[in-house]
């Protein structure tokens, strides 16, 4: 059995992930340069995965 992070750590991770997802959205819409758009998409994809893991962990703990 592996140790599970606490509920506050999961909520903190979810909150930070949402902030970085919004930052990625801002990068995509702010500039037309390719590097900023690629950075924005990478940010959105990576932190969406992190947010999903946090949500799954929170739902598992509530059961």
PDB file of N, CA and C in Angstrom:
ATOM      1  N   UNK A   1       0.841  -1.174   0.000  1.00  0.00           N
ATOM      2  CA  UNK A   1       0.000   0.000   0.000  1.00  0.00           C
ATOM      3  C   UNK A   1       0.893   1.246   0.000  1.00  0.00           C
ATOM      4  N   UNK A   2       0.673   2.133  -0.940  1.00  0.00           N
ATOM      5  CA  UNK A   2       1.480   3.340  -1.022  1.00  0.00           C
ATOM      6  C   UNK A   2       0.818   4.466  -0.242  1.00  0.00           C
ATOM      7  N   UNK A   3       1.635   5.330   0.365  1.00  0.00           N
ATOM      8  CA  UNK A   3       1.035   6.452   1.103  1.00  0.00           C
ATOM      9  C   UNK A   3       0.364   7.448   0.167  1.00  0.00           C
ATOM     10  N   UNK A   4      -0.774   7.949   0.576  1.00  0.00           N
ATOM     11  CA  UNK A   4      -1.540   8.911  -0.216  1.00  0.00           C
ATOM     12  C   UNK A   4      -1.292  10.322   0.315  1.00  0.00           C
ATOM     13  N   UNK A   5      -1.174  11.313  -0.575  1.00  0.00           N
ATOM     14  CA  UNK A   5      -1.035  12.690  -0.104  1.00  0.00           C
ATOM     15  C   UNK A   5      -2.299  13.146   0.613  1.00  0.00           C
ATOM     16  N   UNK A   6      -2.137  14.116   1.500  1.00  0.00           N
ATOM     17  CA  UNK A   6      -3.282  14.596   2.268  1.00  0.00           C
ATOM     18  C   UNK A   6      -4.246  15.382   1.377  1.00  0.00           C
ATOM     19  N   UNK A   7      -5.429  15.625   1.919  1.00  0.00           N
ATOM     20  CA  UNK A   7      -6.462  16.334   1.167  1.00  0.00           C
ATOM     21  C   UNK A   7      -6.006  17.760   0.844  1.00  0.00           C
ATOM     22  N   UNK A   8      -5.326  18.412   1.784  1.00  0.00           N
ATOM     23  CA  UNK A   8      -4.872  19.788   1.538  1.00  0.00           C
ATOM     24  C   UNK A   8      -3.813  19.836   0.439  1.00  0.00           C
ATOM     25  N   UNK A   9      -2.949  18.837   0.387  1.00  0.00           N
ATOM     26  CA  UNK A   9      -1.945  18.797  -0.683  1.00  0.00           C
ATOM     27  C   UNK A   9      -2.606  18.609  -2.041  1.00  0.00           C
ATOM     28  N   UNK A  10      -3.633  17.779  -2.082  1.00  0.00           N
ATOM     29  CA  UNK A  10      -4.355  17.577  -3.338  1.00  0.00           C
ATOM     30  C   UNK A  10      -5.073  18.847  -3.779  1.00  0.00           C
ATOM     31  N   UNK A  11      -5.689  19.542  -2.838  1.00  0.00           N
ATOM     32  CA  UNK A  11      -6.369  20.796  -3.170  1.00  0.00           C
ATOM     33  C   UNK A  11      -5.378  21.862  -3.608  1.00  0.00           C
ATOM     34  N   UNK A  12      -4.228  21.914  -2.940  1.00  0.00           N
ATOM     35  CA  UNK A  12      -3.191  22.864  -3.326  1.00  0.00           C
ATOM     36  C   UNK A  12      -2.689  22.550  -4.736  1.00  0.00           C
ATOM     37  N   UNK A  13      -2.443  21.296  -5.025  1.00  0.00           N
ATOM     38  CA  UNK A  13      -2.006  20.894  -6.358  1.00  0.00           C
ATOM     39  C   UNK A  13      -3.035  21.214  -7.423  1.00  0.00           C
ATOM     40  N   UNK A  14      -4.302  21.025  -7.090  1.00  0.00           N
ATOM     41  CA  UNK A  14      -5.380  21.347  -8.024  1.00  0.00           C
ATOM     42  C   UNK A  14      -5.438  22.847  -8.283  1.00  0.00           C
ATOM     43  N   UNK A  15      -5.303  23.635  -7.232  1.00  0.00           N
ATOM     44  CA  UNK A  15      -5.340  25.089  -7.387  1.00  0.00           C
ATOM     45  C   UNK A  15      -4.181  25.618  -8.225  1.00  0.00           C
ATOM     46  N   UNK A  16      -2.992  25.126  -7.956  1.00  0.00           N
ATOM     47  CA  UNK A  16      -1.813  25.538  -8.732  1.00  0.00           C
ATOM     48  C   UNK A  16      -1.964  25.101 -10.181  1.00  0.00           C
ATOM     49  N   UNK A  17      -2.486  23.906 -10.400  1.00  0.00           N
ATOM     50  CA  UNK A  17      -2.686  23.414 -11.764  1.00  0.00           C
ATOM     51  C   UNK A  17      -3.651  24.304 -12.533  1.00  0.00           C
ATOM     52  N   UNK A  18      -4.725  24.722 -11.884  1.00  0.00           N
ATOM     53  CA  UNK A  18      -5.690  25.604 -12.545  1.00  0.00           C
ATOM     54  C   UNK A  18      -5.037  26.935 -12.911  1.00  0.00           C
ATOM     55  N   UNK A  19      -4.200  27.467 -12.018  1.00  0.00           N
ATOM     56  CA  UNK A  19      -3.502  28.714 -12.323  1.00  0.00           C
ATOM     57  C   UNK A  19      -2.593  28.568 -13.546  1.00  0.00           C
ATOM     58  N   UNK A  20      -1.866  27.457 -13.619  1.00  0.00           N
ATOM     59  CA  UNK A  20      -0.975  27.256 -14.752  1.00  0.00           C
ATOM     60  C   UNK A  20      -1.738  26.957 -16.047  1.00  0.00           C
ATOM     61  N   UNK A  21      -2.901  26.330 -15.937  1.00  0.00           N
ATOM     62  CA  UNK A  21      -3.737  26.122 -17.117  1.00  0.00           C
ATOM     63  C   UNK A  21      -4.202  27.471 -17.661  1.00  0.00           C
ATOM     64  N   UNK A  22      -4.597  28.361 -16.757  1.00  0.00           N
ATOM     65  CA  UNK A  22      -4.996  29.709 -17.177  1.00  0.00           C
ATOM     66  C   UNK A  22      -3.814  30.478 -17.766  1.00  0.00           C
ATOM     67  N   UNK A  23      -2.633  30.285 -17.204  1.00  0.00           N
ATOM     68  CA  UNK A  23      -1.436  30.920 -17.754  1.00  0.00           C
ATOM     69  C   UNK A  23      -1.158  30.415 -19.174  1.00  0.00           C
ATOM     70  N   UNK A  24      -1.320  29.123 -19.398  1.00  0.00           N
ATOM     71  CA  UNK A  24      -1.143  28.566 -20.735  1.00  0.00           C
ATOM     72  C   UNK A  24      -2.144  29.142 -21.714  1.00  0.00           C
ATOM     73  N   UNK A  25      -3.381  29.290 -21.280  1.00  0.00           N
ATOM     74  CA  UNK A  25      -4.417  29.896 -22.123  1.00  0.00           C
ATOM     75  C   UNK A  25      -4.051  31.337 -22.466  1.00  0.00           C
ATOM     76  N   UNK A  26      -3.536  32.058 -21.482  1.00  0.00           N
ATOM     77  CA  UNK A  26      -3.104  33.438 -21.701  1.00  0.00           C
ATOM     78  C   UNK A  26      -1.956  33.493 -22.714  1.00  0.00           C
ATOM     79  N   UNK A  27      -0.994  32.583 -22.588  1.00  0.00           N
ATOM     80  CA  UNK A  27       0.137  32.564 -23.523  1.00  0.00           C
ATOM     81  C   UNK A  27      -0.317  32.297 -24.955  1.00  0.00           C
ATOM     82  N   UNK A  28      -1.276  31.410 -25.115  1.00  0.00           N
ATOM     83  CA  UNK A  28      -1.762  31.091 -26.456  1.00  0.00           C
ATOM     84  C   UNK A  28      -2.458  32.296 -27.079  1.00  0.00           C
ATOM     85  N   UNK A  29      -3.273  32.990 -26.313  1.00  0.00           N
ATOM     86  CA  UNK A  29      -4.052  34.095 -26.854  1.00  0.00           C
ATOM     87  C   UNK A  29      -3.288  35.414 -26.933  1.00  0.00           C
ATOM     88  N   UNK A  30      -2.247  35.576 -26.128  1.00  0.00           N
ATOM     89  CA  UNK A  30      -1.545  36.849 -26.056  1.00  0.00           C
ATOM     90  C   UNK A  30      -0.624  37.070 -27.249  1.00  0.00           C
ATOM     91  N   UNK A  31       0.070  36.057 -27.686  1.00  0.00           N
ATOM     92  CA  UNK A  31       1.107  36.236 -28.698  1.00  0.00           C
ATOM     93  C   UNK A  31       0.851  35.317 -29.890  1.00  0.00           C
ATOM     94  N   UNK A  32       1.295  35.794 -31.038  1.00  0.00           N
ATOM     95  CA  UNK A  32       1.171  34.963 -32.232  1.00  0.00           C
ATOM     96  C   UNK A  32       2.476  34.219 -32.534  1.00  0.00           C
ATOM     97  N   UNK A  33       3.488  34.415 -31.694  1.00  0.00           N
ATOM     98  CA  UNK A  33       4.755  33.709 -31.904  1.00  0.00           C
ATOM     99  C   UNK A  33       4.596  32.238 -31.549  1.00  0.00           C
ATOM    100  N   UNK A  34       5.215  31.399 -32.341  1.00  0.00           N
ATOM    101  CA  UNK A  34       5.048  29.956 -32.194  1.00  0.00           C
ATOM    102  C   UNK A  34       5.559  29.445 -30.859  1.00  0.00           C
ATOM    103  N   UNK A  35       6.679  29.974 -30.379  1.00  0.00           N
ATOM    104  CA  UNK A  35       7.253  29.467 -29.132  1.00  0.00           C
ATOM    105  C   UNK A  35       6.319  29.710 -27.945  1.00  0.00           C
ATOM    106  N   UNK A  36       5.647  30.847 -27.935  1.00  0.00           N
ATOM    107  CA  UNK A  36       4.705  31.123 -26.847  1.00  0.00           C
ATOM    108  C   UNK A  36       3.480  30.225 -26.944  1.00  0.00           C
ATOM    109  N   UNK A  37       3.023  29.977 -28.137  1.00  0.00           N
ATOM    110  CA  UNK A  37       1.865  29.102 -28.296  1.00  0.00           C
ATOM    111  C   UNK A  37       2.206  27.660 -27.927  1.00  0.00           C
ATOM    112  N   UNK A  38       3.396  27.200 -28.313  1.00  0.00           N
ATOM    113  CA  UNK A  38       3.812  25.842 -27.924  1.00  0.00           C
ATOM    114  C   UNK A  38       3.968  25.730 -26.412  1.00  0.00           C
ATOM    115  N   UNK A  39       4.534  26.760 -25.807  1.00  0.00           N
ATOM    116  CA  UNK A  39       4.671  26.760 -24.344  1.00  0.00           C
ATOM    117  C   UNK A  39       3.304  26.738 -23.678  1.00  0.00           C
ATOM    118  N   UNK A  40       2.370  27.497 -24.226  1.00  0.00           N
ATOM    119  CA  UNK A  40       1.018  27.520 -23.679  1.00  0.00           C
ATOM    120  C   UNK A  40       0.339  26.165 -23.771  1.00  0.00           C
ATOM    121  N   UNK A  41       0.451  25.522 -24.925  1.00  0.00           N
ATOM    122  CA  UNK A  41      -0.157  24.195 -25.085  1.00  0.00           C
ATOM    123  C   UNK A  41       0.503  23.162 -24.184  1.00  0.00           C
ATOM    124  N   UNK A  42       1.817  23.220 -24.057  1.00  0.00           N
ATOM    125  CA  UNK A  42       2.519  22.282 -23.183  1.00  0.00           C
ATOM    126  C   UNK A  42       2.080  22.479 -21.732  1.00  0.00           C
ATOM    127  N   UNK A  43       1.945  23.728 -21.343  1.00  0.00           N
ATOM    128  CA  UNK A  43       1.493  24.062 -19.992  1.00  0.00           C
ATOM    129  C   UNK A  43       0.083  23.523 -19.744  1.00  0.00           C
ATOM    130  N   UNK A  44      -0.810  23.746 -20.682  1.00  0.00           N
ATOM    131  CA  UNK A  44      -2.191  23.288 -20.539  1.00  0.00           C
ATOM    132  C   UNK A  44      -2.255  21.765 -20.461  1.00  0.00           C
ATOM    133  N   UNK A  45      -1.553  21.084 -21.337  1.00  0.00           N
ATOM    134  CA  UNK A  45      -1.601  19.616 -21.361  1.00  0.00           C
ATOM    135  C   UNK A  45      -1.025  19.023 -20.079  1.00  0.00           C
ATOM    136  N   UNK A  46       0.168  19.487 -19.685  1.00  0.00           N
ATOM    137  CA  UNK A  46       0.826  18.929 -18.501  1.00  0.00           C
ATOM    138  C   UNK A  46       0.003  19.173 -17.243  1.00  0.00           C
ATOM    139  N   UNK A  47      -0.431  20.401 -17.036  1.00  0.00           N
ATOM    140  CA  UNK A  47      -1.127  20.711 -15.795  1.00  0.00           C
ATOM    141  C   UNK A  47      -2.563  20.208 -15.781  1.00  0.00           C
ATOM    142  N   UNK A  48      -3.153  19.934 -16.939  1.00  0.00           N
ATOM    143  CA  UNK A  48      -4.452  19.264 -16.961  1.00  0.00           C
ATOM    144  C   UNK A  48      -4.312  17.836 -16.448  1.00  0.00           C
ATOM    145  N   UNK A  49      -3.244  17.172 -16.832  1.00  0.00           N
ATOM    146  CA  UNK A  49      -2.988  15.814 -16.337  1.00  0.00           C
ATOM    147  C   UNK A  49      -2.798  15.832 -14.823  1.00  0.00           C
ATOM    148  N   UNK A  50      -2.021  16.803 -14.329  1.00  0.00           N
ATOM    149  CA  UNK A  50      -1.807  16.926 -12.888  1.00  0.00           C
ATOM    150  C   UNK A  50      -3.137  17.198 -12.173  1.00  0.00           C
ATOM    151  N   UNK A  51      -3.964  18.070 -12.739  1.00  0.00           N
ATOM    152  CA  UNK A  51      -5.256  18.383 -12.133  1.00  0.00           C
ATOM    153  C   UNK A  51      -6.159  17.145 -12.096  1.00  0.00           C
ATOM    154  N   UNK A  52      -6.144  16.363 -13.165  1.00  0.00           N
ATOM    155  CA  UNK A  52      -6.965  15.149 -13.188  1.00  0.00           C
ATOM    156  C   UNK A  52      -6.522  14.158 -12.115  1.00  0.00           C
ATOM    157  N   UNK A  53      -5.198  14.001 -11.934  1.00  0.00           N
ATOM    158  CA  UNK A  53      -4.707  13.116 -10.876  1.00  0.00           C
ATOM    159  C   UNK A  53      -5.125  13.623  -9.502  1.00  0.00           C
ATOM    160  N   UNK A  54      -5.100  14.933  -9.305  1.00  0.00           N
ATOM    161  CA  UNK A  54      -5.526  15.500  -8.023  1.00  0.00           C
ATOM    162  C   UNK A  54      -7.009  15.244  -7.782  1.00  0.00           C
ATOM    163  N   UNK A  55      -7.823  15.422  -8.817  1.00  0.00           N
ATOM    164  CA  UNK A  55      -9.266  15.195  -8.688  1.00  0.00           C
ATOM    165  C   UNK A  55      -9.555  13.727  -8.387  1.00  0.00           C
ATOM    166  N   UNK A  56      -8.883  12.827  -9.095  1.00  0.00           N
ATOM    167  CA  UNK A  56      -9.092  11.394  -8.854  1.00  0.00           C
ATOM    168  C   UNK A  56      -8.699  11.038  -7.429  1.00  0.00           C
ATOM    169  N   UNK A  57      -7.586  11.592  -6.971  1.00  0.00           N
ATOM    170  CA  UNK A  57      -7.134  11.314  -5.607  1.00  0.00           C
ATOM    171  C   UNK A  57      -8.118  11.856  -4.579  1.00  0.00           C
ATOM    172  N   UNK A  58      -8.685  13.032  -4.835  1.00  0.00           N
ATOM    173  CA  UNK A  58      -9.672  13.592  -3.915  1.00  0.00           C
ATOM    174  C   UNK A  58     -10.946  12.764  -3.888  1.00  0.00           C
ATOM    175  N   UNK A  59     -11.386  12.284  -5.043  1.00  0.00           N
ATOM    176  CA  UNK A  59     -12.601  11.463  -5.104  1.00  0.00           C
ATOM    177  C   UNK A  59     -12.368  10.124  -4.412  1.00  0.00           C
ATOM    178  N   UNK A  60     -11.176   9.559  -4.586  1.00  0.00           N
ATOM    179  CA  UNK A  60     -10.864   8.288  -3.922  1.00  0.00           C
ATOM    180  C   UNK A  60     -10.885   8.438  -2.415  1.00  0.00           C
ATOM    181  N   UNK A  61     -10.366   9.556  -1.921  1.00  0.00           N
ATOM    182  CA  UNK A  61     -10.327   9.775  -0.464  1.00  0.00           C
ATOM    183  C   UNK A  61     -11.715   9.971   0.126  1.00  0.00           C
ATOM    184  N   UNK A  62     -12.630  10.526  -0.641  1.00  0.00           N
ATOM    185  CA  UNK A  62     -13.965  10.803  -0.111  1.00  0.00           C
ATOM    186  C   UNK A  62     -14.817   9.537   0.000  1.00  0.00           C
ATOM    187  N   UNK A  63     -14.408   8.475  -0.622  1.00  0.00           N
ATOM    188  CA  UNK A  63     -15.196   7.221  -0.560  1.00  0.00           C
ATOM    189  C   UNK A  63     -14.903   6.444   0.661  1.00  0.00           C
TER     190      UNK A  63
END
